[in-house]
Protein backbone atom coordinates (compact mmCIF):
# COMPACT_ATOMS: atom_id res chain seq x y z
CA MET A 1 59.76 -8.57 25.13
CA GLU A 2 61.19 -10.88 22.48
CA GLN A 3 59.19 -10.83 19.25
CA GLU A 4 59.32 -12.97 16.17
CA THR A 5 60.32 -11.37 12.89
CA GLY A 6 60.32 -12.53 9.31
CA SER A 7 57.47 -13.45 7.02
CA GLY A 8 55.52 -16.69 7.08
CA MET A 9 57.29 -17.87 3.92
CA GLU A 10 60.71 -17.34 5.47
CA LYS A 11 59.75 -19.33 8.55
CA GLN A 12 58.29 -22.12 6.44
CA VAL A 13 61.46 -22.37 4.37
CA ALA A 14 63.64 -22.48 7.47
CA ALA A 15 61.42 -25.02 9.27
CA MET A 16 61.10 -27.27 6.21
CA ALA A 17 64.86 -27.20 5.65
CA CYS A 18 65.48 -28.20 9.27
CA ALA A 19 62.92 -31.01 9.08
CA ALA A 20 64.51 -32.24 5.84
CA MET A 21 67.98 -32.26 7.41
CA THR A 22 66.67 -34.23 10.40
CA PHE A 23 65.03 -36.81 8.16
CA PHE A 24 68.08 -37.10 5.93
CA TYR A 25 70.44 -37.46 8.92
CA VAL A 26 68.52 -40.54 10.08
CA ALA A 27 67.44 -41.99 6.71
CA ILE A 28 70.91 -42.04 5.20
CA LEU A 29 72.06 -44.38 7.99
CA TYR A 30 69.96 -47.11 6.37
CA ALA A 31 70.89 -46.27 2.78
CA PRO A 32 73.68 -48.88 2.42
CA THR A 33 71.31 -51.82 2.94
CA LEU A 34 67.91 -50.44 1.88
CA ILE A 35 68.90 -48.33 -1.14
CA LEU A 36 72.38 -49.45 -2.25
CA ARG A 37 71.52 -53.09 -1.43
CA LEU A 38 74.94 -53.74 0.06
CA PRO A 39 75.36 -57.01 1.95
CA PRO A 40 74.96 -56.80 5.74
CA PRO A 41 78.20 -55.86 7.54
CA ASN A 42 80.27 -58.75 8.84
CA SER A 43 81.30 -57.07 12.07
CA LEU A 44 80.41 -54.23 14.41
CA LYS A 45 83.44 -52.30 13.18
CA GLN A 46 82.30 -52.51 9.56
CA PHE A 47 78.77 -51.55 10.56
CA MET A 48 79.95 -48.48 12.47
CA ILE A 49 82.34 -47.39 9.71
CA ARG A 50 79.42 -47.41 7.27
CA ARG A 51 77.48 -45.22 9.67
CA PHE A 52 80.43 -42.88 10.09
CA ILE A 53 80.52 -42.38 6.33
CA CYS A 54 76.74 -41.85 6.15
CA ALA A 55 76.76 -39.32 9.00
CA SER A 56 79.63 -37.44 7.36
CA ILE A 57 77.78 -37.29 4.04
CA SER A 58 74.67 -36.03 5.82
CA SER A 59 76.68 -33.27 7.51
CA VAL A 60 78.26 -32.11 4.24
CA VAL A 61 74.88 -32.11 2.45
CA SER A 62 73.35 -30.06 5.29
CA LEU A 63 76.16 -27.51 5.13
CA ILE A 64 75.72 -27.17 1.35
CA LEU A 65 71.93 -26.86 1.66
CA CYS A 66 72.29 -24.07 4.20
CA ALA A 67 74.82 -22.30 2.01
CA PHE A 68 72.20 -22.13 -0.76
CA ILE A 69 69.40 -20.95 1.55
CA LEU A 70 71.22 -18.47 3.79
CA PRO A 71 71.73 -15.15 1.99
CA ILE A 72 75.06 -13.87 3.27
CA THR A 73 75.36 -10.13 2.71
CA SER A 74 78.89 -9.57 4.02
CA ARG A 75 81.67 -10.45 1.58
CA GLU A 76 84.19 -10.27 4.42
CA MET A 77 82.72 -13.24 6.26
CA SER A 78 82.86 -16.84 5.10
CA TYR A 79 80.18 -19.43 5.57
CA LEU A 80 82.44 -21.15 8.10
CA PHE A 81 82.09 -18.12 10.36
CA VAL A 82 78.31 -18.18 9.95
CA TYR A 83 78.34 -21.85 10.95
CA GLY A 84 80.36 -20.99 14.05
CA ILE A 85 83.47 -22.77 12.76
CA ARG A 86 86.11 -20.35 13.98
CA LEU A 87 89.63 -20.28 15.37
CA ASP A 88 89.33 -16.99 17.24
CA HIS A 89 88.46 -17.18 20.95
CA PHE A 90 89.36 -20.85 20.78
CA TRP A 91 90.27 -21.40 24.42
CA GLN A 92 87.27 -19.45 25.71
CA ALA A 93 84.91 -21.59 23.62
CA VAL A 94 86.40 -24.76 25.14
CA VAL A 95 87.30 -23.87 28.72
CA PHE A 96 84.27 -21.81 29.79
CA PRO A 97 81.55 -24.24 28.52
CA LEU A 98 83.47 -27.22 29.93
CA PHE A 99 83.69 -25.57 33.33
CA LEU A 100 80.01 -24.64 33.24
CA THR A 101 78.94 -28.12 32.16
CA SER A 102 81.14 -29.81 34.77
CA LEU A 103 79.17 -28.08 37.53
CA MET A 104 76.19 -30.33 36.74
CA TYR A 105 78.47 -33.30 37.42
CA ALA A 106 79.50 -32.24 40.91
CA GLY A 107 77.75 -35.32 42.30
CA SER A 108 79.58 -37.56 39.83
CA PHE A 109 82.94 -36.03 40.76
CA ALA A 110 82.16 -36.40 44.46
CA LEU A 111 81.34 -40.09 43.96
CA LYS A 112 84.57 -40.62 42.03
CA LEU A 113 86.45 -38.88 44.84
CA PHE A 114 84.93 -41.21 47.44
CA LEU A 115 85.86 -44.22 45.30
CA LEU A 116 89.39 -42.90 44.95
CA VAL A 117 89.67 -42.45 48.73
CA ASP A 118 88.47 -46.03 49.21
CA SER A 119 91.15 -47.18 46.78
CA TRP A 120 93.78 -45.26 48.72
CA LYS A 121 92.63 -46.85 51.97
CA GLU A 122 92.85 -50.27 50.38
CA HIS A 123 96.42 -49.60 49.29
CA VAL A 124 97.34 -48.40 52.78
CA SER A 125 95.76 -51.43 54.47
CA GLU A 126 97.75 -53.71 52.20
CA GLY A 127 100.96 -51.94 53.15
CA ARG A 128 101.47 -50.26 49.79
CA SER A 129 102.52 -46.67 49.33
CA LEU A 130 99.65 -44.18 49.21
CA ALA A 131 101.39 -42.08 46.60
CA ALA A 132 102.24 -45.12 44.51
CA GLY A 133 98.66 -46.39 44.70
CA CYS A 134 97.29 -43.02 43.64
CA PHE A 135 99.74 -42.72 40.78
CA ASN A 136 99.12 -46.27 39.54
CA ASN A 137 95.34 -45.81 39.70
CA LEU A 138 95.40 -42.57 37.75
CA LEU A 139 97.88 -43.98 35.24
CA GLN A 140 95.78 -47.10 34.67
CA ASN A 141 92.58 -45.06 34.17
CA PHE A 142 94.30 -42.68 31.77
CA THR A 143 95.90 -45.50 29.77
CA ALA A 144 92.63 -47.42 29.63
CA GLY A 145 90.77 -44.34 28.43
CA ILE A 146 93.25 -43.60 25.65
CA SER A 147 93.32 -47.24 24.59
CA SER A 148 89.51 -47.35 24.51
CA ILE A 149 89.23 -44.30 22.27
CA ALA A 150 92.00 -45.48 19.96
CA SER A 151 90.76 -49.04 19.46
CA ASP A 152 87.04 -49.08 20.29
CA VAL A 153 84.81 -48.16 17.37
CA LEU A 154 81.98 -47.33 19.78
CA ALA A 155 84.24 -44.82 21.52
CA TRP A 156 84.90 -43.16 18.18
CA ARG A 157 81.14 -42.95 17.63
CA ASN A 158 80.36 -41.57 21.10
CA TYR A 159 83.27 -39.16 21.50
CA VAL A 160 84.16 -38.08 17.95
CA VAL A 161 81.79 -38.81 15.06
CA ALA A 162 78.39 -38.44 16.74
CA PRO A 163 79.16 -35.18 18.61
CA PHE A 164 80.84 -33.57 15.61
CA THR A 165 78.22 -34.48 12.99
CA GLU A 166 75.26 -33.80 15.29
CA GLU A 167 76.55 -30.38 16.30
CA LEU A 168 77.19 -29.51 12.65
CA VAL A 169 73.67 -30.44 11.58
CA PHE A 170 71.54 -29.55 14.60
CA ARG A 171 73.40 -26.46 15.73
CA ALA A 172 75.66 -25.01 13.01
CA CYS A 173 73.12 -25.51 10.20
CA MET A 174 69.71 -25.34 11.82
CA ILE A 175 70.13 -22.46 14.24
CA PRO A 176 71.33 -19.86 11.68
CA LEU A 177 68.47 -20.95 9.40
CA LEU A 178 65.85 -20.54 12.11
CA LEU A 179 67.32 -17.27 13.36
CA CYS A 180 67.38 -15.79 9.88
CA GLY A 181 63.89 -17.14 9.29
CA GLY A 182 62.67 -14.89 12.08
CA PHE A 183 62.02 -17.43 14.86
CA LYS A 184 62.37 -16.24 18.45
CA ILE A 185 65.44 -17.46 20.30
CA SER A 186 63.24 -19.12 22.92
CA SER A 187 61.40 -21.00 20.16
CA ILE A 188 64.68 -22.15 18.61
CA ILE A 189 66.02 -23.40 21.93
CA PHE A 190 62.91 -25.59 22.14
CA LEU A 191 62.55 -26.57 18.45
CA CYS A 192 66.12 -27.67 17.71
CA PRO A 193 66.27 -30.09 20.68
CA VAL A 194 62.98 -31.66 19.59
CA LEU A 195 64.42 -32.34 16.13
CA PHE A 196 67.66 -33.47 17.79
CA SER A 197 65.78 -35.97 19.97
CA LEU A 198 63.65 -37.24 17.07
CA ALA A 199 66.87 -38.11 15.25
CA HIS A 200 67.50 -40.67 18.01
CA LEU A 201 64.19 -42.50 17.52
CA ASN A 202 65.91 -44.97 15.21
CA HIS A 203 67.54 -46.49 18.31
CA TRP A 204 64.14 -47.89 19.36
CA MET A 205 64.13 -50.57 16.68
CA GLU A 206 67.76 -51.47 17.36
CA ILE A 207 67.10 -51.91 21.09
CA TYR A 208 63.89 -53.84 20.43
CA ILE A 209 65.66 -56.26 18.08
CA ARG A 210 68.53 -56.70 20.52
CA HIS A 211 66.41 -57.37 23.64
CA ASN A 212 63.09 -58.48 22.07
CA SER A 213 61.25 -56.36 24.64
CA LEU A 214 58.80 -53.64 23.67
CA LEU A 215 58.71 -52.23 27.21
CA LYS A 216 62.49 -52.08 27.60
CA ALA A 217 62.99 -50.46 24.19
CA THR A 218 60.32 -47.85 24.95
CA MET A 219 61.71 -47.05 28.40
CA VAL A 220 65.32 -46.78 27.20
CA VAL A 221 64.47 -44.63 24.19
CA GLY A 222 62.05 -42.52 26.26
CA LEU A 223 64.81 -41.76 28.77
CA GLN A 224 67.22 -41.03 25.94
CA LEU A 225 64.76 -38.67 24.24
CA GLY A 226 64.18 -36.78 27.48
CA TYR A 227 67.91 -36.41 28.04
CA THR A 228 68.59 -35.31 24.45
CA VAL A 229 65.87 -32.64 24.66
CA ILE A 230 67.44 -31.22 27.82
CA PHE A 231 70.97 -31.37 26.47
CA GLY A 232 69.87 -30.11 23.06
CA SER A 233 68.33 -27.03 24.68
CA TYR A 234 71.54 -26.38 26.56
CA ALA A 235 73.72 -26.91 23.47
CA SER A 236 71.50 -24.60 21.41
CA PHE A 237 71.73 -21.99 24.16
CA LEU A 238 75.53 -22.25 24.15
CA TYR A 239 75.69 -21.91 20.38
CA ILE A 240 73.38 -18.90 20.21
CA ARG A 241 75.07 -17.12 23.11
CA THR A 242 78.65 -17.72 21.95
CA GLY A 243 78.33 -18.00 18.17
CA HIS A 244 81.06 -20.64 18.43
CA LEU A 245 80.52 -24.28 17.42
CA LEU A 246 83.27 -25.40 19.77
CA ALA A 247 81.17 -24.42 22.79
CA PRO A 248 78.36 -27.00 22.34
CA LEU A 249 80.81 -29.48 20.81
CA ALA A 250 83.05 -29.47 23.90
CA ALA A 251 80.00 -29.83 26.14
CA HIS A 252 78.65 -32.67 23.97
CA VAL A 253 81.86 -34.69 24.13
CA PHE A 254 82.17 -34.11 27.87
CA CYS A 255 78.59 -35.25 28.54
CA ASN A 256 79.06 -38.36 26.41
CA ILE A 257 82.15 -39.23 28.43
CA MET A 258 80.49 -38.63 31.79
CA GLY A 259 77.05 -40.09 31.04
CA LEU A 260 74.07 -39.08 33.17
CA PRO A 261 74.91 -36.92 36.21
CA VAL A 262 74.93 -38.75 39.54
CA MET A 263 72.30 -37.15 41.79
CA PHE A 264 72.41 -39.44 44.82
CA ALA A 265 74.14 -42.51 46.22
CA ARG A 266 73.27 -44.84 49.06
CA ARG A 267 76.61 -44.50 50.75
CA SER A 268 76.51 -40.78 51.45
CA GLY A 269 74.21 -37.79 51.35
CA MET A 270 77.26 -35.78 50.32
CA ILE A 271 76.69 -36.89 46.73
CA SER A 272 73.24 -35.29 46.64
CA LEU A 273 74.56 -32.20 48.41
CA ALA A 274 77.36 -31.88 45.85
CA PHE A 275 74.89 -32.25 42.99
CA VAL A 276 72.54 -29.58 44.38
CA ALA A 277 75.43 -27.20 45.02
CA GLY A 278 76.79 -27.77 41.50
CA ALA A 279 73.36 -27.26 39.92
CA ALA A 280 72.85 -24.03 41.86
CA MET A 281 76.26 -22.75 40.76
CA PHE A 282 75.46 -23.76 37.18
CA LEU A 283 72.26 -21.69 37.16
CA TRP A 284 74.03 -18.75 38.79
CA LEU A 285 76.83 -18.69 36.19
CA LEU A 286 74.77 -19.74 33.15
CA PHE A 287 74.34 -16.24 31.69
CA PRO A 288 77.50 -14.51 33.00
CA ILE A 289 79.85 -17.18 31.67
CA THR A 290 78.15 -17.28 28.25
CA ARG A 291 78.18 -13.52 27.62
CA PRO A 292 78.62 -12.99 23.83
CA ASP A 293 81.41 -10.45 24.36
CA LEU A 294 83.57 -13.19 25.91
CA TYR A 295 83.53 -15.07 22.60
CA ASN A 296 83.29 -12.29 20.01
CA ASP A 297 85.23 -9.13 19.28
CA ARG A 298 82.09 -7.28 18.28
CA THR A 299 78.41 -7.77 18.95
CA ASN A 300 75.26 -6.01 17.80
CA ASN A 301 71.52 -6.19 18.15
CA CYS A 302 70.86 -7.98 14.88
CA ARG A 303 68.26 -10.75 15.13
CA CYS A 304 70.92 -13.16 13.87
CA TRP A 305 73.69 -13.64 16.42
CA HIS A 306 76.38 -13.22 13.75
CA GLY A 307 74.68 -10.30 12.01
CA TYR A 308 75.91 -11.25 8.55
CA CYS A 309 72.79 -12.63 6.93
CA SER A 310 69.30 -11.29 6.37
CA TRP A 311 66.31 -12.07 4.25
CA ASN A 312 65.68 -9.72 1.35
């Protein structure tokens, strides 16, 4: 049975540091106008660039704070390794978590397949080549996606800045702190997602101002908080099991691209069947495909997954 270790002081230090990083990650987003008294941004692009800078500063500060708190005992290992920032087992940390995560989107892929078949049928009925229609459709989607990421500041936020900074703060920094503080793994998998979801509460005011509806803002943020808790638990699980930051990062980017999984559709029960089959396969492979030995050359029974820090 899993037991907690570490003294009460160690746990308090770790918990307080995580709470401080959560608060700072959100508070610094409002620093340009509330503290620095900068004029309001003239455009969405300027507004988002300010936030990119603030989120980056928050990530760097969190990394430095953890470096002061975590007592690394091995001179052979750098702090980057402790944070899960590694180049070894690169492809495993990307491919395996992506495959595992994609299973939860079996319904979404099935729906896209049905839509693609409908598009093919439309091309055939209009006398156009099936192969040409398929190629043009895929080419247009690929070109549109690349163009969106390259030119859309919101795409940069959703697919680059937000996943990278959030995984640095809420996984790479917080999880080693909590593990070394003596928290149980099960407690960490619950605690980190709660802090992760609370960091999204600032969206409530933004949605309320935009739509001037208390009910809509509450419902949207409530759904978002529920989703972030679920995903945060999964991302924390990936990080603890693999010891590789790329694992939750790849899953985070993929989920942001795909959105919420499609569980059912009016047109066909096959969508729901695909979702259930994918979810079942996900649960079946969850532990086998995240075995620590797939992502690390050596493992041990230390209460920290990396085994290179301990409280004196």
